[in-house]
Amino acid sequence: MSNFLKLAKDRYSARKFKEGSIPEDDINAIIESGLCAPTAVNKQPFRIWAFHSEQAREKLLSCTKMQFISPAEVIFMIGAKADEAWVRPFDEKNFAEIDASIVTTQMMLQIHDLGYGSTWIGHFDEGKVKELFPDAAGYELIALLPVGIIAEDCEPSPRHSQRRSIEDIVEFL
């Protein structure tokens, strides 16, 4: 198993891929990492869609201006189902979106650990996605995760290593 802190620091938003296939075992491992994500009261109020066929990927790409995700081998879409989530009783905070975000994060880390690239895409027309893919109705769509072999000239954004200091973020009590 890899060193988690190194994995977390090394992972970056890859925005350029090259042609090449991803073995089914790796695709399944990415899915499994999402399925085992911790969710509030283990309600698991999420769904993962895997856009594997070229036709499905092209339809999905028509819902975003982020054309750099082509030629991603697979694009995952993660959705949250509010009526299946745990709700905190004190203030009625629904945890569906939080749970789906945890799923997405675990999948991103697994993608990087397997040697592939991805980026969390939130810039898409949710209404159009639901129109083209009616199975997504009833879900809040959280992210698109394109997965591909990172192109040789793909580098982390200059902002990747910019982090606020511990003093700015953490308050020890």
N, C-alpha and C. Protein backbone atom coordinates (compact mmCIF):
# COMPACT_ATOMS: atom_id res chain seq x y z
N MET A 1 0.85 -1.18 0.00
CA MET A 1 0.00 0.00 0.00
C MET A 1 0.89 1.24 0.00
N SER A 2 0.48 2.22 -0.74
CA SER A 2 1.29 3.43 -0.85
C SER A 2 1.18 4.28 0.41
N ASN A 3 2.11 5.19 0.57
CA ASN A 3 2.10 6.15 1.66
C ASN A 3 0.99 7.16 1.37
N PHE A 4 -0.01 7.24 2.25
CA PHE A 4 -1.19 8.05 1.95
C PHE A 4 -0.85 9.54 1.80
N LEU A 5 -0.06 10.10 2.68
CA LEU A 5 0.25 11.53 2.59
C LEU A 5 0.97 11.85 1.28
N LYS A 6 1.87 10.97 0.86
CA LYS A 6 2.55 11.16 -0.42
C LYS A 6 1.54 11.09 -1.56
N LEU A 7 0.65 10.12 -1.51
CA LEU A 7 -0.40 9.99 -2.52
C LEU A 7 -1.25 11.26 -2.58
N ALA A 8 -1.68 11.74 -1.42
CA ALA A 8 -2.53 12.92 -1.37
C ALA A 8 -1.81 14.16 -1.92
N LYS A 9 -0.53 14.29 -1.63
CA LYS A 9 0.23 15.44 -2.12
C LYS A 9 0.57 15.33 -3.61
N ASP A 10 0.84 14.12 -4.07
CA ASP A 10 1.25 13.92 -5.47
C ASP A 10 0.09 14.01 -6.46
N ARG A 11 -1.12 13.63 -6.04
CA ARG A 11 -2.27 13.65 -6.95
C ARG A 11 -2.54 15.08 -7.40
N TYR A 12 -2.77 15.25 -8.68
CA TYR A 12 -3.12 16.57 -9.20
C TYR A 12 -4.18 16.42 -10.27
N SER A 13 -4.79 17.52 -10.63
CA SER A 13 -5.83 17.51 -11.65
C SER A 13 -5.18 17.41 -13.02
N ALA A 14 -5.23 16.22 -13.59
CA ALA A 14 -4.68 15.98 -14.93
C ALA A 14 -5.73 16.39 -15.94
N ARG A 15 -5.34 17.26 -16.85
CA ARG A 15 -6.29 17.79 -17.82
C ARG A 15 -5.94 17.45 -19.26
N LYS A 16 -5.01 16.53 -19.41
CA LYS A 16 -4.62 16.14 -20.77
C LYS A 16 -4.25 14.66 -20.76
N PHE A 17 -4.88 13.93 -21.64
CA PHE A 17 -4.66 12.49 -21.70
C PHE A 17 -4.15 12.10 -23.07
N LYS A 18 -3.58 10.90 -23.13
CA LYS A 18 -3.17 10.35 -24.42
C LYS A 18 -3.98 9.09 -24.67
N GLU A 19 -3.97 8.65 -25.89
CA GLU A 19 -4.70 7.43 -26.26
C GLU A 19 -4.14 6.24 -25.49
N GLY A 20 -5.00 5.34 -25.16
CA GLY A 20 -4.57 4.12 -24.47
C GLY A 20 -5.72 3.58 -23.65
N SER A 21 -5.72 2.29 -23.49
CA SER A 21 -6.83 1.67 -22.77
C SER A 21 -6.49 1.43 -21.31
N ILE A 22 -7.54 1.35 -20.53
CA ILE A 22 -7.42 1.07 -19.10
C ILE A 22 -8.04 -0.30 -18.87
N PRO A 23 -7.28 -1.22 -18.29
CA PRO A 23 -7.81 -2.58 -18.06
C PRO A 23 -9.07 -2.56 -17.19
N GLU A 24 -9.96 -3.50 -17.47
CA GLU A 24 -11.21 -3.62 -16.70
C GLU A 24 -10.95 -3.79 -15.21
N ASP A 25 -9.88 -4.50 -14.85
CA ASP A 25 -9.55 -4.68 -13.43
C ASP A 25 -9.30 -3.33 -12.75
N ASP A 26 -8.64 -2.41 -13.47
CA ASP A 26 -8.39 -1.09 -12.90
C ASP A 26 -9.68 -0.28 -12.81
N ILE A 27 -10.52 -0.36 -13.82
CA ILE A 27 -11.81 0.33 -13.77
C ILE A 27 -12.63 -0.19 -12.59
N ASN A 28 -12.63 -1.49 -12.40
CA ASN A 28 -13.36 -2.09 -11.28
C ASN A 28 -12.77 -1.68 -9.93
N ALA A 29 -11.45 -1.54 -9.85
CA ALA A 29 -10.81 -1.10 -8.61
C ALA A 29 -11.21 0.34 -8.28
N ILE A 30 -11.31 1.18 -9.29
CA ILE A 30 -11.74 2.56 -9.08
C ILE A 30 -13.17 2.58 -8.55
N ILE A 31 -14.04 1.79 -9.17
CA ILE A 31 -15.43 1.71 -8.70
C ILE A 31 -15.48 1.18 -7.27
N GLU A 32 -14.72 0.13 -6.99
CA GLU A 32 -14.70 -0.46 -5.65
C GLU A 32 -14.26 0.56 -4.60
N SER A 33 -13.30 1.42 -4.95
CA SER A 33 -12.85 2.44 -3.99
C SER A 33 -13.99 3.39 -3.64
N GLY A 34 -14.87 3.66 -4.60
CA GLY A 34 -16.04 4.49 -4.31
C GLY A 34 -17.07 3.75 -3.48
N LEU A 35 -17.26 2.48 -3.80
CA LEU A 35 -18.25 1.69 -3.08
C LEU A 35 -17.90 1.50 -1.61
N CYS A 36 -16.62 1.51 -1.28
CA CYS A 36 -16.23 1.30 0.12
C CYS A 36 -16.03 2.61 0.88
N ALA A 37 -16.39 3.73 0.26
CA ALA A 37 -16.24 5.02 0.93
C ALA A 37 -17.15 5.10 2.15
N PRO A 38 -16.68 5.74 3.21
CA PRO A 38 -17.53 5.91 4.38
C PRO A 38 -18.62 6.94 4.10
N THR A 39 -19.83 6.63 4.51
CA THR A 39 -20.94 7.57 4.38
C THR A 39 -21.66 7.65 5.72
N ALA A 40 -22.35 8.74 5.93
CA ALA A 40 -23.04 8.96 7.20
C ALA A 40 -24.04 7.84 7.47
N VAL A 41 -23.87 7.20 8.62
CA VAL A 41 -24.71 6.09 9.07
C VAL A 41 -24.74 4.97 8.02
N ASN A 42 -23.73 4.93 7.18
CA ASN A 42 -23.58 3.94 6.10
C ASN A 42 -24.83 3.86 5.21
N LYS A 43 -25.47 5.00 4.98
CA LYS A 43 -26.68 5.03 4.15
C LYS A 43 -26.37 4.85 2.66
N GLN A 44 -25.16 5.22 2.24
CA GLN A 44 -24.71 5.07 0.85
C GLN A 44 -25.69 5.71 -0.15
N PRO A 45 -25.98 7.00 0.02
CA PRO A 45 -26.97 7.67 -0.84
C PRO A 45 -26.35 8.21 -2.14
N PHE A 46 -25.70 7.34 -2.86
CA PHE A 46 -25.01 7.80 -4.08
C PHE A 46 -25.18 6.77 -5.18
N ARG A 47 -24.86 7.21 -6.37
CA ARG A 47 -24.84 6.32 -7.53
C ARG A 47 -23.63 6.72 -8.36
N ILE A 48 -23.03 5.71 -8.98
CA ILE A 48 -21.88 5.93 -9.88
C ILE A 48 -22.29 5.45 -11.27
N TRP A 49 -22.12 6.30 -12.24
CA TRP A 49 -22.33 5.92 -13.64
C TRP A 49 -20.95 5.86 -14.30
N ALA A 50 -20.71 4.83 -15.07
CA ALA A 50 -19.44 4.68 -15.79
C ALA A 50 -19.72 4.80 -17.29
N PHE A 51 -19.29 5.90 -17.87
CA PHE A 51 -19.47 6.14 -19.29
C PHE A 51 -18.25 5.56 -20.00
N HIS A 52 -18.44 4.35 -20.50
CA HIS A 52 -17.31 3.60 -21.06
C HIS A 52 -17.33 3.60 -22.58
N SER A 53 -18.51 3.52 -23.18
CA SER A 53 -18.58 3.48 -24.64
C SER A 53 -18.30 4.88 -25.20
N GLU A 54 -17.75 4.90 -26.41
CA GLU A 54 -17.45 6.18 -27.06
C GLU A 54 -18.73 7.01 -27.23
N GLN A 55 -19.82 6.34 -27.59
CA GLN A 55 -21.10 7.04 -27.80
C GLN A 55 -21.57 7.71 -26.49
N ALA A 56 -21.51 6.99 -25.39
CA ALA A 56 -21.95 7.54 -24.10
C ALA A 56 -21.03 8.70 -23.68
N ARG A 57 -19.73 8.55 -23.87
CA ARG A 57 -18.80 9.62 -23.51
C ARG A 57 -19.06 10.87 -24.34
N GLU A 58 -19.30 10.71 -25.63
CA GLU A 58 -19.56 11.85 -26.50
C GLU A 58 -20.85 12.57 -26.09
N LYS A 59 -21.89 11.82 -25.76
CA LYS A 59 -23.13 12.43 -25.29
C LYS A 59 -22.87 13.24 -24.02
N LEU A 60 -22.12 12.65 -23.10
CA LEU A 60 -21.82 13.34 -21.85
C LEU A 60 -20.98 14.59 -22.12
N LEU A 61 -20.01 14.49 -23.01
CA LEU A 61 -19.15 15.64 -23.32
C LEU A 61 -19.95 16.80 -23.91
N SER A 62 -21.08 16.52 -24.54
CA SER A 62 -21.89 17.58 -25.11
C SER A 62 -22.52 18.45 -24.01
N CYS A 63 -22.42 18.03 -22.76
CA CYS A 63 -23.01 18.76 -21.63
C CYS A 63 -21.99 19.64 -20.91
N THR A 64 -20.79 19.71 -21.41
CA THR A 64 -19.75 20.52 -20.79
C THR A 64 -18.89 21.16 -21.86
N LYS A 65 -18.28 22.28 -21.52
CA LYS A 65 -17.35 22.93 -22.43
C LYS A 65 -15.92 22.43 -22.20
N MET A 66 -15.77 21.53 -21.26
CA MET A 66 -14.45 21.04 -20.86
C MET A 66 -14.01 19.94 -21.81
N GLN A 67 -13.73 20.27 -23.03
CA GLN A 67 -13.41 19.28 -24.05
C GLN A 67 -12.06 18.61 -23.83
N PHE A 68 -11.25 19.15 -22.92
CA PHE A 68 -9.94 18.54 -22.66
C PHE A 68 -10.04 17.14 -22.11
N ILE A 69 -11.20 16.74 -21.65
CA ILE A 69 -11.31 15.41 -21.06
C ILE A 69 -11.33 14.31 -22.11
N SER A 70 -11.34 14.68 -23.36
CA SER A 70 -11.22 13.69 -24.42
C SER A 70 -9.74 13.48 -24.66
N PRO A 71 -9.20 12.37 -24.84
CA PRO A 71 -9.77 11.05 -25.03
C PRO A 71 -9.79 10.19 -23.76
N ALA A 72 -10.48 10.63 -22.76
CA ALA A 72 -10.60 9.83 -21.54
C ALA A 72 -11.18 8.46 -21.90
N GLU A 73 -10.61 7.44 -21.32
CA GLU A 73 -11.06 6.06 -21.58
C GLU A 73 -12.42 5.78 -20.96
N VAL A 74 -12.64 6.37 -19.81
CA VAL A 74 -13.91 6.22 -19.10
C VAL A 74 -14.16 7.53 -18.36
N ILE A 75 -15.42 7.88 -18.22
CA ILE A 75 -15.79 9.05 -17.42
C ILE A 75 -16.80 8.56 -16.39
N PHE A 76 -16.48 8.78 -15.13
CA PHE A 76 -17.41 8.44 -14.06
C PHE A 76 -18.22 9.67 -13.72
N MET A 77 -19.47 9.45 -13.40
CA MET A 77 -20.33 10.51 -12.90
C MET A 77 -20.86 10.04 -11.56
N ILE A 78 -20.80 10.92 -10.57
CA ILE A 78 -21.24 10.57 -9.23
C ILE A 78 -22.42 11.46 -8.87
N GLY A 79 -23.49 10.83 -8.39
CA GLY A 79 -24.68 11.56 -7.99
C GLY A 79 -25.07 11.25 -6.56
N ALA A 80 -25.74 12.22 -5.93
CA ALA A 80 -26.20 12.08 -4.55
C ALA A 80 -27.72 12.03 -4.53
N LYS A 81 -28.27 11.16 -3.72
CA LYS A 81 -29.73 11.00 -3.61
C LYS A 81 -30.16 11.46 -2.22
N ALA A 82 -30.69 12.67 -2.15
CA ALA A 82 -31.01 13.31 -0.87
C ALA A 82 -32.01 12.50 -0.04
N ASP A 83 -32.99 11.90 -0.68
CA ASP A 83 -34.01 11.21 0.11
C ASP A 83 -33.55 9.85 0.63
N GLU A 84 -32.32 9.47 0.34
CA GLU A 84 -31.76 8.23 0.88
C GLU A 84 -30.66 8.51 1.92
N ALA A 85 -30.37 9.77 2.16
CA ALA A 85 -29.23 10.14 3.02
C ALA A 85 -29.63 10.30 4.48
N TRP A 86 -28.62 10.24 5.32
CA TRP A 86 -28.82 10.54 6.73
C TRP A 86 -28.99 12.04 6.87
N VAL A 87 -29.87 12.44 7.76
CA VAL A 87 -30.12 13.85 8.03
C VAL A 87 -29.83 14.11 9.51
N ARG A 88 -28.96 15.07 9.75
CA ARG A 88 -28.61 15.41 11.13
C ARG A 88 -29.84 16.01 11.83
N PRO A 89 -30.25 15.44 12.95
CA PRO A 89 -31.52 15.85 13.56
C PRO A 89 -31.51 17.26 14.16
N PHE A 90 -30.37 17.77 14.51
CA PHE A 90 -30.30 19.07 15.19
C PHE A 90 -30.65 20.24 14.28
N ASP A 91 -30.27 20.12 13.00
CA ASP A 91 -30.48 21.24 12.08
C ASP A 91 -30.98 20.81 10.70
N GLU A 92 -31.32 19.52 10.56
CA GLU A 92 -31.84 18.97 9.30
C GLU A 92 -30.83 19.02 8.15
N LYS A 93 -29.55 19.02 8.48
CA LYS A 93 -28.49 19.00 7.45
C LYS A 93 -28.49 17.63 6.78
N ASN A 94 -28.68 17.63 5.46
CA ASN A 94 -28.70 16.40 4.67
C ASN A 94 -27.28 16.11 4.22
N PHE A 95 -26.81 14.87 4.40
CA PHE A 95 -25.43 14.51 4.13
C PHE A 95 -25.21 13.87 2.75
N ALA A 96 -26.20 13.85 1.88
CA ALA A 96 -26.05 13.19 0.58
C ALA A 96 -24.89 13.75 -0.23
N GLU A 97 -24.82 15.06 -0.35
CA GLU A 97 -23.75 15.68 -1.14
C GLU A 97 -22.38 15.43 -0.51
N ILE A 98 -22.31 15.47 0.80
CA ILE A 98 -21.06 15.21 1.49
C ILE A 98 -20.62 13.77 1.23
N ASP A 99 -21.54 12.84 1.38
CA ASP A 99 -21.22 11.43 1.15
C ASP A 99 -20.74 11.19 -0.28
N ALA A 100 -21.43 11.77 -1.26
CA ALA A 100 -21.02 11.59 -2.65
C ALA A 100 -19.66 12.24 -2.92
N SER A 101 -19.35 13.31 -2.21
CA SER A 101 -18.04 13.95 -2.35
C SER A 101 -16.94 13.06 -1.79
N ILE A 102 -17.22 12.36 -0.71
CA ILE A 102 -16.25 11.42 -0.15
C ILE A 102 -16.00 10.29 -1.16
N VAL A 103 -17.07 9.78 -1.75
CA VAL A 103 -16.95 8.74 -2.78
C VAL A 103 -16.05 9.24 -3.92
N THR A 104 -16.33 10.44 -4.39
CA THR A 104 -15.56 11.02 -5.50
C THR A 104 -14.09 11.17 -5.14
N THR A 105 -13.82 11.63 -3.95
CA THR A 105 -12.43 11.82 -3.50
C THR A 105 -11.69 10.48 -3.45
N GLN A 106 -12.34 9.47 -2.88
CA GLN A 106 -11.68 8.16 -2.83
C GLN A 106 -11.40 7.62 -4.23
N MET A 107 -12.33 7.82 -5.14
CA MET A 107 -12.11 7.36 -6.51
C MET A 107 -10.94 8.11 -7.15
N MET A 108 -10.86 9.42 -6.92
CA MET A 108 -9.75 10.21 -7.48
C MET A 108 -8.40 9.72 -6.97
N LEU A 109 -8.34 9.43 -5.67
CA LEU A 109 -7.09 8.95 -5.10
C LEU A 109 -6.73 7.57 -5.66
N GLN A 110 -7.72 6.71 -5.84
CA GLN A 110 -7.46 5.39 -6.42
C GLN A 110 -6.98 5.53 -7.85
N ILE A 111 -7.58 6.41 -8.61
CA ILE A 111 -7.15 6.65 -9.99
C ILE A 111 -5.68 7.02 -10.02
N HIS A 112 -5.28 7.94 -9.16
CA HIS A 112 -3.88 8.36 -9.13
C HIS A 112 -2.98 7.21 -8.67
N ASP A 113 -3.41 6.48 -7.66
CA ASP A 113 -2.61 5.38 -7.14
C ASP A 113 -2.36 4.31 -8.21
N LEU A 114 -3.31 4.15 -9.14
CA LEU A 114 -3.16 3.18 -10.23
C LEU A 114 -2.31 3.73 -11.38
N GLY A 115 -1.91 5.00 -11.28
CA GLY A 115 -1.04 5.57 -12.30
C GLY A 115 -1.75 6.33 -13.41
N TYR A 116 -3.04 6.60 -13.24
CA TYR A 116 -3.80 7.34 -14.24
C TYR A 116 -4.05 8.76 -13.76
N GLY A 117 -4.65 9.54 -14.61
CA GLY A 117 -4.98 10.90 -14.26
C GLY A 117 -6.47 11.14 -14.29
N SER A 118 -6.87 12.19 -13.60
CA SER A 118 -8.27 12.59 -13.58
C SER A 118 -8.34 14.02 -13.06
N THR A 119 -9.51 14.57 -13.14
CA THR A 119 -9.80 15.86 -12.52
C THR A 119 -11.27 15.89 -12.16
N TRP A 120 -11.60 16.59 -11.12
CA TRP A 120 -12.98 16.72 -10.67
C TRP A 120 -13.61 17.81 -11.52
N ILE A 121 -14.59 17.44 -12.31
CA ILE A 121 -15.27 18.42 -13.15
C ILE A 121 -16.65 18.70 -12.57
N GLY A 122 -16.86 19.96 -12.27
CA GLY A 122 -18.16 20.41 -11.80
C GLY A 122 -18.84 21.30 -12.83
N HIS A 123 -18.12 21.64 -13.90
CA HIS A 123 -18.63 22.53 -14.95
C HIS A 123 -19.35 21.71 -16.02
N PHE A 124 -20.62 21.45 -15.75
CA PHE A 124 -21.45 20.73 -16.72
C PHE A 124 -22.89 21.16 -16.52
N ASP A 125 -23.68 20.99 -17.56
CA ASP A 125 -25.09 21.36 -17.53
C ASP A 125 -25.89 20.18 -16.97
N GLU A 126 -26.22 20.25 -15.69
CA GLU A 126 -26.89 19.14 -15.02
C GLU A 126 -28.24 18.83 -15.68
N GLY A 127 -28.98 19.85 -16.06
CA GLY A 127 -30.27 19.63 -16.71
C GLY A 127 -30.13 18.87 -18.01
N LYS A 128 -29.13 19.23 -18.79
CA LYS A 128 -28.90 18.54 -20.07
C LYS A 128 -28.47 17.10 -19.84
N VAL A 129 -27.61 16.88 -18.83
CA VAL A 129 -27.18 15.51 -18.52
C VAL A 129 -28.40 14.66 -18.19
N LYS A 130 -29.28 15.19 -17.35
CA LYS A 130 -30.47 14.44 -16.94
C LYS A 130 -31.43 14.22 -18.11
N GLU A 131 -31.45 15.15 -19.04
CA GLU A 131 -32.28 14.99 -20.24
C GLU A 131 -31.74 13.86 -21.12
N LEU A 132 -30.41 13.82 -21.28
CA LEU A 132 -29.79 12.79 -22.11
C LEU A 132 -29.71 11.44 -21.41
N PHE A 133 -29.61 11.46 -20.09
CA PHE A 133 -29.48 10.24 -19.30
C PHE A 133 -30.54 10.25 -18.20
N PRO A 134 -31.78 9.88 -18.53
CA PRO A 134 -32.90 9.96 -17.58
C PRO A 134 -32.69 9.19 -16.28
N ASP A 135 -31.80 8.20 -16.27
CA ASP A 135 -31.53 7.48 -15.02
C ASP A 135 -30.93 8.38 -13.95
N ALA A 136 -30.41 9.55 -14.35
CA ALA A 136 -29.81 10.48 -13.40
C ALA A 136 -30.86 11.35 -12.70
N ALA A 137 -32.09 11.31 -13.17
CA ALA A 137 -33.14 12.09 -12.53
C ALA A 137 -33.28 11.66 -11.07
N GLY A 138 -33.51 12.60 -10.21
CA GLY A 138 -33.65 12.28 -8.79
C GLY A 138 -32.33 12.34 -8.04
N TYR A 139 -31.24 12.58 -8.75
CA TYR A 139 -29.92 12.68 -8.12
C TYR A 139 -29.39 14.09 -8.30
N GLU A 140 -28.66 14.58 -7.31
CA GLU A 140 -27.89 15.79 -7.49
C GLU A 140 -26.55 15.32 -8.03
N LEU A 141 -26.20 15.79 -9.21
CA LEU A 141 -24.96 15.34 -9.84
C LEU A 141 -23.80 16.14 -9.28
N ILE A 142 -22.85 15.43 -8.69
CA ILE A 142 -21.77 16.04 -7.94
C ILE A 142 -20.52 16.28 -8.78
N ALA A 143 -20.16 15.30 -9.60
CA ALA A 143 -18.88 15.40 -10.31
C ALA A 143 -18.84 14.49 -11.52
N LEU A 144 -18.03 14.90 -12.47
CA LEU A 144 -17.59 14.04 -13.56
C LEU A 144 -16.12 13.78 -13.31
N LEU A 145 -15.71 12.52 -13.45
CA LEU A 145 -14.31 12.15 -13.28
C LEU A 145 -13.82 11.45 -14.55
N PRO A 146 -13.17 12.19 -15.45
CA PRO A 146 -12.58 11.53 -16.60
C PRO A 146 -11.33 10.78 -16.15
N VAL A 147 -11.10 9.62 -16.72
CA VAL A 147 -9.93 8.83 -16.36
C VAL A 147 -9.17 8.51 -17.62
N GLY A 148 -7.87 8.76 -17.59
CA GLY A 148 -7.06 8.45 -18.75
C GLY A 148 -5.59 8.34 -18.38
N ILE A 149 -4.82 7.97 -19.37
CA ILE A 149 -3.37 7.91 -19.23
C ILE A 149 -2.86 9.34 -19.41
N ILE A 150 -2.15 9.82 -18.44
CA ILE A 150 -1.69 11.21 -18.45
C ILE A 150 -0.72 11.43 -19.61
N ALA A 151 -0.97 12.49 -20.38
CA ALA A 151 -0.09 12.86 -21.48
C ALA A 151 1.27 13.31 -20.93
N GLU A 152 2.32 13.07 -21.71
CA GLU A 152 3.67 13.40 -21.26
C GLU A 152 3.83 14.89 -20.93
N ASP A 153 3.12 15.74 -21.66
CA ASP A 153 3.26 17.19 -21.44
C ASP A 153 2.22 17.75 -20.48
N CYS A 154 1.57 16.90 -19.74
CA CYS A 154 0.58 17.34 -18.75
C CYS A 154 1.29 17.55 -17.42
N GLU A 155 1.20 18.74 -16.92
CA GLU A 155 1.85 19.10 -15.65
C GLU A 155 0.79 19.61 -14.67
N PRO A 156 1.07 19.51 -13.38
CA PRO A 156 0.15 20.11 -12.42
C PRO A 156 0.05 21.62 -12.64
N SER A 157 -1.09 22.17 -12.33
CA SER A 157 -1.28 23.62 -12.38
C SER A 157 -0.28 24.28 -11.44
N PRO A 158 0.18 25.48 -11.76
CA PRO A 158 1.06 26.19 -10.82
C PRO A 158 0.41 26.39 -9.45
N ARG A 159 -0.90 26.38 -9.40
CA ARG A 159 -1.61 26.55 -8.13
C ARG A 159 -1.62 25.27 -7.29
N HIS A 160 -1.25 24.13 -7.88
CA HIS A 160 -1.34 22.85 -7.20
C HIS A 160 -0.63 22.84 -5.85
N SER A 161 0.55 23.38 -5.79
CA SER A 161 1.33 23.32 -4.56
C SER A 161 1.11 24.52 -3.64
N GLN A 162 0.27 25.45 -4.04
CA GLN A 162 -0.02 26.60 -3.19
C GLN A 162 -1.00 26.18 -2.11
N ARG A 163 -0.56 26.22 -0.89
CA ARG A 163 -1.39 25.83 0.24
C ARG A 163 -1.30 26.90 1.32
N ARG A 164 -2.42 27.14 1.96
CA ARG A 164 -2.41 28.04 3.11
C ARG A 164 -1.64 27.37 4.24
N SER A 165 -1.13 28.17 5.13
CA SER A 165 -0.35 27.62 6.24
C SER A 165 -1.27 26.97 7.27
N ILE A 166 -0.67 26.11 8.06
CA ILE A 166 -1.41 25.47 9.15
C ILE A 166 -1.98 26.54 10.08
N GLU A 167 -1.21 27.60 10.34
CA GLU A 167 -1.67 28.66 11.23
C GLU A 167 -2.92 29.35 10.69
N ASP A 168 -3.04 29.44 9.38
CA ASP A 168 -4.21 30.08 8.77
C ASP A 168 -5.45 29.19 8.81
N ILE A 169 -5.26 27.90 8.90
CA ILE A 169 -6.38 26.98 8.74
C ILE A 169 -6.77 26.26 10.02
N VAL A 170 -5.78 25.91 10.84
CA VAL A 170 -6.04 25.04 11.99
C VAL A 170 -6.02 25.85 13.28
N GLU A 171 -7.01 25.61 14.09
CA GLU A 171 -7.04 26.22 15.42
C GLU A 171 -7.00 25.09 16.43
N PHE A 172 -5.90 25.04 17.19
CA PHE A 172 -5.76 24.03 18.24
C PHE A 172 -6.40 24.57 19.50
N LEU A 173 -7.28 23.79 20.07
CA LEU A 173 -8.00 24.23 21.29
C LEU A 173 -7.60 23.39 22.48
